[in-house]
Amino acid sequence: QVQLVESGGGLVQAGGSLRLSCTASGTIFSINAMGWYRQAPGKQRELVATITSGGSTNYAGSVKGRFTISRDGAKNTVYLQMNSLKPEDTDIYYCNADIGTSWSRFYNYWGQGTQVTVSS
């Protein structure tokens, strides 16, 4: 069984920074893309940033230049460094990963979410 566990959310003032972490555990053969998404109540979940196993990154336009995604393959962990936070960044942030439990079986997993609240 595979699990994604997030940490690092919290309350911060506008202009501040937070660093989110997400670690995959369980029977893991390899991990392809990992990413972060966010969702506000009543709204659709939206992409924040993704990173491939080769290190290629993709960002939503609203966070480009302020957020940085990175990963540590040895630790099966993906990070999201969030700087210059704005009140509109307030959301629940979810970790996502494509994880193979064998060379031929890959599944998409979600974490439980971590709340980020930015006060003005």
C-alpha atoms as a PDB file:
ATOM      1  CA  GLN A   1       0.000   0.000   0.000  1.00  0.00           C
ATOM      2  CA  VAL A   2       1.274   3.450  -0.942  1.00  0.00           C
ATOM      3  CA  GLN A   3       0.673   6.621   1.023  1.00  0.00           C
ATOM      4  CA  LEU A   4       1.473  10.271   0.431  1.00  0.00           C
ATOM      5  CA  VAL A   5       1.843  12.318   3.595  1.00  0.00           C
ATOM      6  CA  GLU A   6       2.036  16.104   3.418  1.00  0.00           C
ATOM      7  CA  SER A   7       3.341  18.530   6.007  1.00  0.00           C
ATOM      8  CA  GLY A   8       4.309  22.169   6.292  1.00  0.00           C
ATOM      9  CA  GLY A   9       1.019  23.994   5.915  1.00  0.00           C
ATOM     10  CA  GLY A  10      -0.097  26.687   8.299  1.00  0.00           C
ATOM     11  CA  LEU A  11      -0.944  30.347   8.782  1.00  0.00           C
ATOM     12  CA  VAL A  12       1.336  33.063   7.440  1.00  0.00           C
ATOM     13  CA  GLN A  13       1.079  36.765   6.758  1.00  0.00           C
ATOM     14  CA  ALA A  14       1.001  38.110   3.227  1.00  0.00           C
ATOM     15  CA  GLY A  15       4.519  38.362   1.867  1.00  0.00           C
ATOM     16  CA  GLY A  16       5.714  35.469   3.991  1.00  0.00           C
ATOM     17  CA  SER A  17       6.953  32.014   3.075  1.00  0.00           C
ATOM     18  CA  LEU A  18       6.050  28.399   3.697  1.00  0.00           C
ATOM     19  CA  ARG A  19       7.613  25.127   2.617  1.00  0.00           C
ATOM     20  CA  LEU A  20       5.412  22.106   1.971  1.00  0.00           C
ATOM     21  CA  SER A  21       6.750  18.559   1.981  1.00  0.00           C
ATOM     22  CA  CYS A  22       5.187  15.337   0.747  1.00  0.00           C
ATOM     23  CA  THR A  23       6.727  11.917   1.288  1.00  0.00           C
ATOM     24  CA  ALA A  24       5.647   8.721  -0.417  1.00  0.00           C
ATOM     25  CA  SER A  25       5.886   5.485   1.528  1.00  0.00           C
ATOM     26  CA  GLY A  26       4.965   1.841   1.023  1.00  0.00           C
ATOM     27  CA  THR A  27       5.785  -0.588  -1.756  1.00  0.00           C
ATOM     28  CA  ILE A  28       7.432   1.723  -4.296  1.00  0.00           C
ATOM     29  CA  PHE A  29       9.279   0.556  -7.385  1.00  0.00           C
ATOM     30  CA  SER A  30       9.688   4.002  -8.903  1.00  0.00           C
ATOM     31  CA  ILE A  31       8.033   7.415  -9.030  1.00  0.00           C
ATOM     32  CA  ASN A  32       7.353   9.355 -12.211  1.00  0.00           C
ATOM     33  CA  ALA A  33       5.832  12.814 -12.024  1.00  0.00           C
ATOM     34  CA  MET A  34       5.056  14.431  -8.686  1.00  0.00           C
ATOM     35  CA  GLY A  35       3.144  17.617  -8.125  1.00  0.00           C
ATOM     36  CA  TRP A  36       1.107  19.967  -6.033  1.00  0.00           C
ATOM     37  CA  TYR A  37      -2.487  21.001  -6.574  1.00  0.00           C
ATOM     38  CA  ARG A  38      -4.777  23.244  -4.578  1.00  0.00           C
ATOM     39  CA  GLN A  39      -8.484  23.530  -4.020  1.00  0.00           C
ATOM     40  CA  ALA A  40     -10.754  26.044  -2.356  1.00  0.00           C
ATOM     41  CA  PRO A  41     -14.202  25.055  -1.040  1.00  0.00           C
ATOM     42  CA  GLY A  42     -16.673  24.816  -3.878  1.00  0.00           C
ATOM     43  CA  LYS A  43     -14.015  25.146  -6.554  1.00  0.00           C
ATOM     44  CA  GLN A  44     -12.211  22.713  -8.804  1.00  0.00           C
ATOM     45  CA  ARG A  45      -8.804  21.416  -7.866  1.00  0.00           C
ATOM     46  CA  GLU A  46      -6.142  23.251  -9.863  1.00  0.00           C
ATOM     47  CA  LEU A  47      -2.541  22.559 -10.729  1.00  0.00           C
ATOM     48  CA  VAL A  48       0.103  24.501  -8.837  1.00  0.00           C
ATOM     49  CA  ALA A  49       3.319  22.844 -10.006  1.00  0.00           C
ATOM     50  CA  THR A  50       4.649  19.522 -11.258  1.00  0.00           C
ATOM     51  CA  ILE A  51       8.075  17.967 -11.584  1.00  0.00           C
ATOM     52  CA  THR A  52       9.102  14.943 -13.626  1.00  0.00           C
ATOM     53  CA  SER A  53      11.532  12.249 -12.572  1.00  0.00           C
ATOM     54  CA  GLY A  54      14.091  14.008 -14.735  1.00  0.00           C
ATOM     55  CA  GLY A  55      13.575  17.319 -12.964  1.00  0.00           C
ATOM     56  CA  SER A  56      11.529  19.191 -15.572  1.00  0.00           C
ATOM     57  CA  THR A  57       9.088  21.567 -13.927  1.00  0.00           C
ATOM     58  CA  ASN A  58       5.793  23.193 -14.816  1.00  0.00           C
ATOM     59  CA  TYR A  59       4.016  25.970 -12.934  1.00  0.00           C
ATOM     60  CA  ALA A  60       0.645  27.647 -12.945  1.00  0.00           C
ATOM     61  CA  GLY A  61       0.944  31.194 -14.186  1.00  0.00           C
ATOM     62  CA  SER A  62      -0.322  32.586 -10.899  1.00  0.00           C
ATOM     63  CA  VAL A  63       2.599  31.124  -8.920  1.00  0.00           C
ATOM     64  CA  LYS A  64       5.441  31.339 -11.438  1.00  0.00           C
ATOM     65  CA  GLY A  65       8.357  33.236  -9.985  1.00  0.00           C
ATOM     66  CA  ARG A  66       7.078  32.867  -6.420  1.00  0.00           C
ATOM     67  CA  PHE A  67       6.854  29.088  -5.897  1.00  0.00           C
ATOM     68  CA  THR A  68       9.558  26.493  -6.508  1.00  0.00           C
ATOM     69  CA  ILE A  69       8.965  22.752  -6.741  1.00  0.00           C
ATOM     70  CA  SER A  70      11.779  20.280  -6.121  1.00  0.00           C
ATOM     71  CA  ARG A  71      12.178  16.626  -5.245  1.00  0.00           C
ATOM     72  CA  ASP A  72      14.565  14.286  -3.470  1.00  0.00           C
ATOM     73  CA  GLY A  73      14.502  10.922  -5.198  1.00  0.00           C
ATOM     74  CA  ALA A  74      16.352   9.147  -2.428  1.00  0.00           C
ATOM     75  CA  LYS A  75      13.701  10.241   0.076  1.00  0.00           C
ATOM     76  CA  ASN A  76      10.676   9.864  -2.249  1.00  0.00           C
ATOM     77  CA  THR A  77       9.819  13.429  -1.290  1.00  0.00           C
ATOM     78  CA  VAL A  78       8.588  16.454  -3.194  1.00  0.00           C
ATOM     79  CA  TYR A  79       8.772  19.991  -1.850  1.00  0.00           C
ATOM     80  CA  LEU A  80       7.000  23.242  -2.620  1.00  0.00           C
ATOM     81  CA  GLN A  81       8.773  26.406  -1.513  1.00  0.00           C
ATOM     82  CA  MET A  82       6.231  29.201  -1.469  1.00  0.00           C
ATOM     83  CA  ASN A  83       7.515  32.779  -1.248  1.00  0.00           C
ATOM     84  CA  SER A  84       5.781  36.154  -1.473  1.00  0.00           C
ATOM     85  CA  LEU A  85       2.526  34.531  -0.435  1.00  0.00           C
ATOM     86  CA  LYS A  86      -0.725  36.330  -1.165  1.00  0.00           C
ATOM     87  CA  PRO A  87      -4.164  35.968   0.457  1.00  0.00           C
ATOM     88  CA  GLU A  88      -5.401  34.406  -2.783  1.00  0.00           C
ATOM     89  CA  ASP A  89      -2.951  31.526  -2.226  1.00  0.00           C
ATOM     90  CA  THR A  90      -5.149  30.404   0.676  1.00  0.00           C
ATOM     91  CA  ASP A  91      -6.316  26.877  -0.140  1.00  0.00           C
ATOM     92  CA  ILE A  92      -5.933  23.248   0.763  1.00  0.00           C
ATOM     93  CA  TYR A  93      -2.813  21.967  -0.984  1.00  0.00           C
ATOM     94  CA  TYR A  94      -2.681  18.372  -2.202  1.00  0.00           C
ATOM     95  CA  CYS A  95       0.320  16.292  -3.182  1.00  0.00           C
ATOM     96  CA  ASN A  96       0.019  14.031  -6.225  1.00  0.00           C
ATOM     97  CA  ALA A  97       2.315  11.369  -7.639  1.00  0.00           C
ATOM     98  CA  ASP A  98       2.457   8.657 -10.283  1.00  0.00           C
ATOM     99  CA  ILE A  99       3.927   5.696  -8.443  1.00  0.00           C
ATOM    100  CA  GLY A 100       4.873   2.302  -9.727  1.00  0.00           C
ATOM    101  CA  THR A 101       4.541  -0.647  -7.402  1.00  0.00           C
ATOM    102  CA  SER A 102       6.288  -2.768 -10.026  1.00  0.00           C
ATOM    103  CA  TRP A 103       7.848  -2.130 -13.430  1.00  0.00           C
ATOM    104  CA  SER A 104       4.473  -2.503 -15.128  1.00  0.00           C
ATOM    105  CA  ARG A 105       1.998  -1.150 -12.561  1.00  0.00           C
ATOM    106  CA  PHE A 106       1.734   2.608 -12.103  1.00  0.00           C
ATOM    107  CA  TYR A 107      -1.061   4.329 -10.253  1.00  0.00           C
ATOM    108  CA  ASN A 108      -1.911   7.928  -9.423  1.00  0.00           C
ATOM    109  CA  TYR A 109      -2.050   8.815  -5.730  1.00  0.00           C
ATOM    110  CA  TRP A 110      -3.225  11.830  -3.725  1.00  0.00           C
ATOM    111  CA  GLY A 111      -2.237  13.009  -0.285  1.00  0.00           C
ATOM    112  CA  GLN A 112      -4.754  14.021   2.350  1.00  0.00           C
ATOM    113  CA  GLY A 113      -4.165  17.744   1.891  1.00  0.00           C
ATOM    114  CA  THR A 114      -2.635  20.449   4.041  1.00  0.00           C
ATOM    115  CA  GLN A 115      -4.204  23.831   4.750  1.00  0.00           C
ATOM    116  CA  VAL A 116      -2.369  26.999   3.770  1.00  0.00           C
ATOM    117  CA  THR A 117      -3.850  30.254   5.033  1.00  0.00           C
ATOM    118  CA  VAL A 118      -2.395  33.645   4.104  1.00  0.00           C
ATOM    119  CA  SER A 119      -3.655  36.625   6.086  1.00  0.00           C
ATOM    120  CA  SER A 120      -3.688  40.142   4.682  1.00  0.00           C
END
